[in-house]
Amino acid sequence: FPDFTAGLNVSLGFKGFDFKAFVYGSFGNEIVCAHKYYTQTVGTLSNYSVDRLDRWTAATPNASQPRMTYDDPNENMRFSDRYVEDGSYIRLRNIQLGYSFNKSLIEKMRLSKLRIYVSADNLLTFTDYSGWNPEVSLYQSNALMAGVDYATYPMPTIITGGVNITF
């Protein structure tokens, strides 16, 4: 669970233009990157992550990954804090830029309001977490699994545009 969360809403307007942004952050939590455990340990799984290419050998003693051996005499396959990472992040959840047309122009078209806009959701995320999404949800609705990432699906970036017309 995070130590604290924060959000910031910004809303500005100038001569028909409007700008809105929502930024959210979560700070001080840790995430168990469980999918790394399954893709970086030797066992029955055979689809290893590319990180395993940097494994220990006699020729590469400073490698970032332990050696690969099915016998595992050093018990490198056991779960450890090697899979625990800082889960803090800041995400630009929404940003929107719009323009409302002048009333004198739109009254000729028999409209009372005309606005065009472009919007983006989940445009940027700043984090040191190596997984796809630092917003880890509960695994199978189990409260004891909070903060465990079994390859949580990444947040999609959605860009939309539109027109608001009021007659």
Protein backbone atom coordinates (compact mmCIF):
# COMPACT_ATOMS: atom_id res chain seq x y z
CA PHE A 1 0.00 0.00 0.00
CA PRO A 2 1.35 3.47 -0.81
CA ASP A 3 2.51 5.88 1.87
CA PHE A 4 0.48 8.58 0.13
CA THR A 5 -1.26 9.40 -3.12
CA ALA A 6 -1.77 12.77 -4.74
CA GLY A 7 -3.67 14.28 -7.62
CA LEU A 8 -3.65 17.59 -9.42
CA ASN A 9 -6.38 19.06 -11.62
CA VAL A 10 -5.56 22.03 -13.85
CA SER A 11 -8.17 23.99 -15.80
CA LEU A 12 -7.23 27.10 -17.82
CA GLY A 13 -9.03 29.20 -20.40
CA PHE A 14 -8.03 32.07 -22.71
CA LYS A 15 -9.89 33.66 -25.64
CA GLY A 16 -12.01 30.64 -26.54
CA PHE A 17 -9.27 28.07 -25.81
CA ASP A 18 -9.55 25.76 -22.83
CA PHE A 19 -6.95 23.43 -21.35
CA LYS A 20 -7.51 20.73 -18.75
CA ALA A 21 -5.10 18.22 -17.22
CA PHE A 22 -5.28 15.60 -14.49
CA VAL A 23 -2.07 14.19 -12.95
CA TYR A 24 -2.11 11.40 -10.37
CA GLY A 25 0.71 9.88 -8.32
CA SER A 26 1.27 7.08 -5.87
CA PHE A 27 4.35 7.10 -3.65
CA GLY A 28 6.06 4.74 -1.22
CA ASN A 29 4.55 1.41 -2.21
CA GLU A 30 6.40 -1.70 -3.27
CA ILE A 31 5.34 -4.17 -5.93
CA VAL A 32 6.18 -7.85 -6.14
CA CYS A 33 6.97 -8.39 -9.81
CA ALA A 34 5.73 -11.99 -9.75
CA HIS A 35 5.79 -12.48 -13.50
CA LYS A 36 9.59 -12.05 -13.36
CA TYR A 37 9.74 -14.96 -10.95
CA TYR A 38 8.08 -17.17 -13.57
CA THR A 39 10.12 -15.90 -16.53
CA GLN A 40 13.52 -15.70 -14.85
CA THR A 41 13.76 -18.93 -12.85
CA VAL A 42 14.62 -22.37 -14.10
CA GLY A 43 11.80 -24.84 -13.84
CA THR A 44 9.01 -26.29 -15.89
CA LEU A 45 8.47 -23.03 -17.78
CA SER A 46 10.51 -22.66 -20.92
CA ASN A 47 9.69 -19.16 -22.14
CA TYR A 48 12.31 -17.11 -20.29
CA SER A 49 12.65 -13.34 -20.39
CA VAL A 50 15.47 -11.76 -22.37
CA ASP A 51 17.01 -10.72 -19.01
CA ARG A 52 18.18 -14.33 -18.60
CA LEU A 53 20.74 -13.77 -21.37
CA ASP A 54 22.73 -11.78 -18.78
CA ARG A 55 23.15 -14.82 -16.53
CA TRP A 56 26.17 -15.78 -14.48
CA THR A 57 28.82 -17.92 -16.12
CA ALA A 58 32.52 -18.32 -15.37
CA ALA A 59 33.17 -15.86 -18.23
CA THR A 60 30.58 -13.32 -16.96
CA PRO A 61 30.93 -13.24 -13.15
CA ASN A 62 29.32 -9.76 -12.87
CA ALA A 63 26.08 -10.73 -14.62
CA SER A 64 22.75 -9.46 -13.29
CA GLN A 65 21.05 -12.89 -13.27
CA PRO A 66 22.02 -16.06 -11.40
CA ARG A 67 23.35 -19.04 -13.35
CA MET A 68 20.96 -21.34 -15.12
CA THR A 69 21.01 -24.88 -13.88
CA TYR A 70 18.06 -27.16 -13.38
CA ASP A 71 19.56 -28.66 -10.20
CA ASP A 72 19.79 -25.17 -8.60
CA PRO A 73 22.22 -26.01 -5.75
CA ASN A 74 22.29 -22.36 -4.63
CA GLU A 75 18.47 -22.20 -4.46
CA ASN A 76 18.26 -19.28 -6.88
CA MET A 77 14.73 -20.38 -7.81
CA ARG A 78 13.38 -19.60 -4.35
CA PHE A 79 11.30 -16.47 -4.04
CA SER A 80 13.25 -13.50 -2.66
CA ASP A 81 13.33 -9.73 -2.46
CA ARG A 82 14.98 -9.76 -5.88
CA TYR A 83 11.43 -9.50 -7.26
CA VAL A 84 10.35 -6.59 -5.04
CA GLU A 85 10.52 -3.15 -6.69
CA ASP A 86 9.58 0.44 -5.92
CA GLY A 87 6.05 0.96 -7.23
CA SER A 88 5.93 4.76 -7.04
CA TYR A 89 4.70 6.55 -10.14
CA ILE A 90 3.27 9.75 -11.57
CA ARG A 91 0.79 9.44 -14.44
CA LEU A 92 -0.71 12.06 -16.72
CA ARG A 93 -4.20 10.54 -16.66
CA ASN A 94 -5.90 13.06 -18.92
CA ILE A 95 -5.01 16.13 -20.94
CA GLN A 96 -7.48 18.04 -23.10
CA LEU A 97 -7.27 21.06 -25.37
CA GLY A 98 -10.41 22.65 -26.81
CA TYR A 99 -11.66 25.69 -28.64
CA SER A 100 -15.13 27.24 -28.36
CA PHE A 101 -16.14 29.29 -31.38
CA ASN A 102 -17.25 32.89 -31.06
CA LYS A 103 -21.04 33.33 -30.59
CA SER A 104 -21.34 35.80 -33.47
CA LEU A 105 -19.94 33.16 -35.86
CA ILE A 106 -22.06 30.23 -34.65
CA GLU A 107 -25.33 32.18 -34.43
CA LYS A 108 -25.23 32.40 -38.23
CA MET A 109 -25.33 28.58 -38.28
CA ARG A 110 -28.26 28.65 -35.79
CA LEU A 111 -26.20 27.11 -33.03
CA SER A 112 -25.90 28.26 -29.45
CA LYS A 113 -22.53 26.60 -28.80
CA LEU A 114 -19.80 24.94 -30.88
CA ARG A 115 -16.62 23.49 -29.39
CA ILE A 116 -13.92 21.23 -30.84
CA TYR A 117 -11.40 19.36 -28.72
CA VAL A 118 -8.67 16.74 -28.62
CA SER A 119 -8.04 14.62 -25.53
CA ALA A 120 -5.48 12.03 -24.44
CA ASP A 121 -5.74 9.52 -21.57
CA ASN A 122 -2.73 7.83 -19.93
CA LEU A 123 -0.32 9.72 -22.16
CA LEU A 124 2.74 9.61 -19.86
CA THR A 125 3.82 7.55 -16.86
CA PHE A 126 6.98 8.27 -14.89
CA THR A 127 8.18 5.31 -12.81
CA ASP A 128 11.22 3.16 -12.08
CA TYR A 129 9.04 0.04 -11.98
CA SER A 130 10.11 -2.45 -14.65
CA GLY A 131 6.67 -4.03 -15.16
CA TRP A 132 4.06 -2.90 -17.66
CA ASN A 133 1.81 -1.09 -15.22
CA PRO A 134 2.62 0.20 -11.72
CA GLU A 135 -1.14 0.37 -10.97
CA VAL A 136 -1.36 -3.20 -9.76
CA SER A 137 -4.87 -4.39 -9.02
CA LEU A 138 -5.91 -7.16 -6.67
CA TYR A 139 -5.15 -10.60 -8.04
CA GLN A 140 -8.42 -12.53 -8.39
CA SER A 141 -10.06 -10.13 -5.89
CA ASN A 142 -7.83 -11.50 -3.12
CA ALA A 143 -6.97 -8.73 -0.62
CA LEU A 144 -3.89 -10.68 0.48
CA MET A 145 -2.47 -10.36 -3.03
CA ALA A 146 -2.46 -6.54 -3.15
CA GLY A 147 0.77 -5.25 -4.65
CA VAL A 148 1.58 -8.49 -6.48
CA ASP A 149 1.95 -8.09 -10.24
CA TYR A 150 1.16 -11.16 -12.31
CA ALA A 151 1.75 -9.19 -15.56
CA THR A 152 -0.98 -6.60 -15.08
CA TYR A 153 -2.15 -5.39 -18.48
CA PRO A 154 -0.67 -2.00 -19.41
CA MET A 155 -2.87 1.08 -19.37
CA PRO A 156 -3.77 1.97 -22.95
CA THR A 157 -3.07 5.43 -24.31
CA ILE A 158 -6.32 6.71 -25.78
CA ILE A 159 -6.42 9.77 -28.01
CA THR A 160 -9.82 11.14 -28.95
CA GLY A 161 -11.17 14.18 -30.68
CA GLY A 162 -14.64 15.54 -30.84
CA VAL A 163 -17.12 18.28 -31.51
CA ASN A 164 -19.70 19.55 -29.00
CA ILE A 165 -22.70 21.15 -30.69
CA THR A 166 -25.59 22.79 -28.85
CA PHE A 167 -28.62 23.86 -30.86
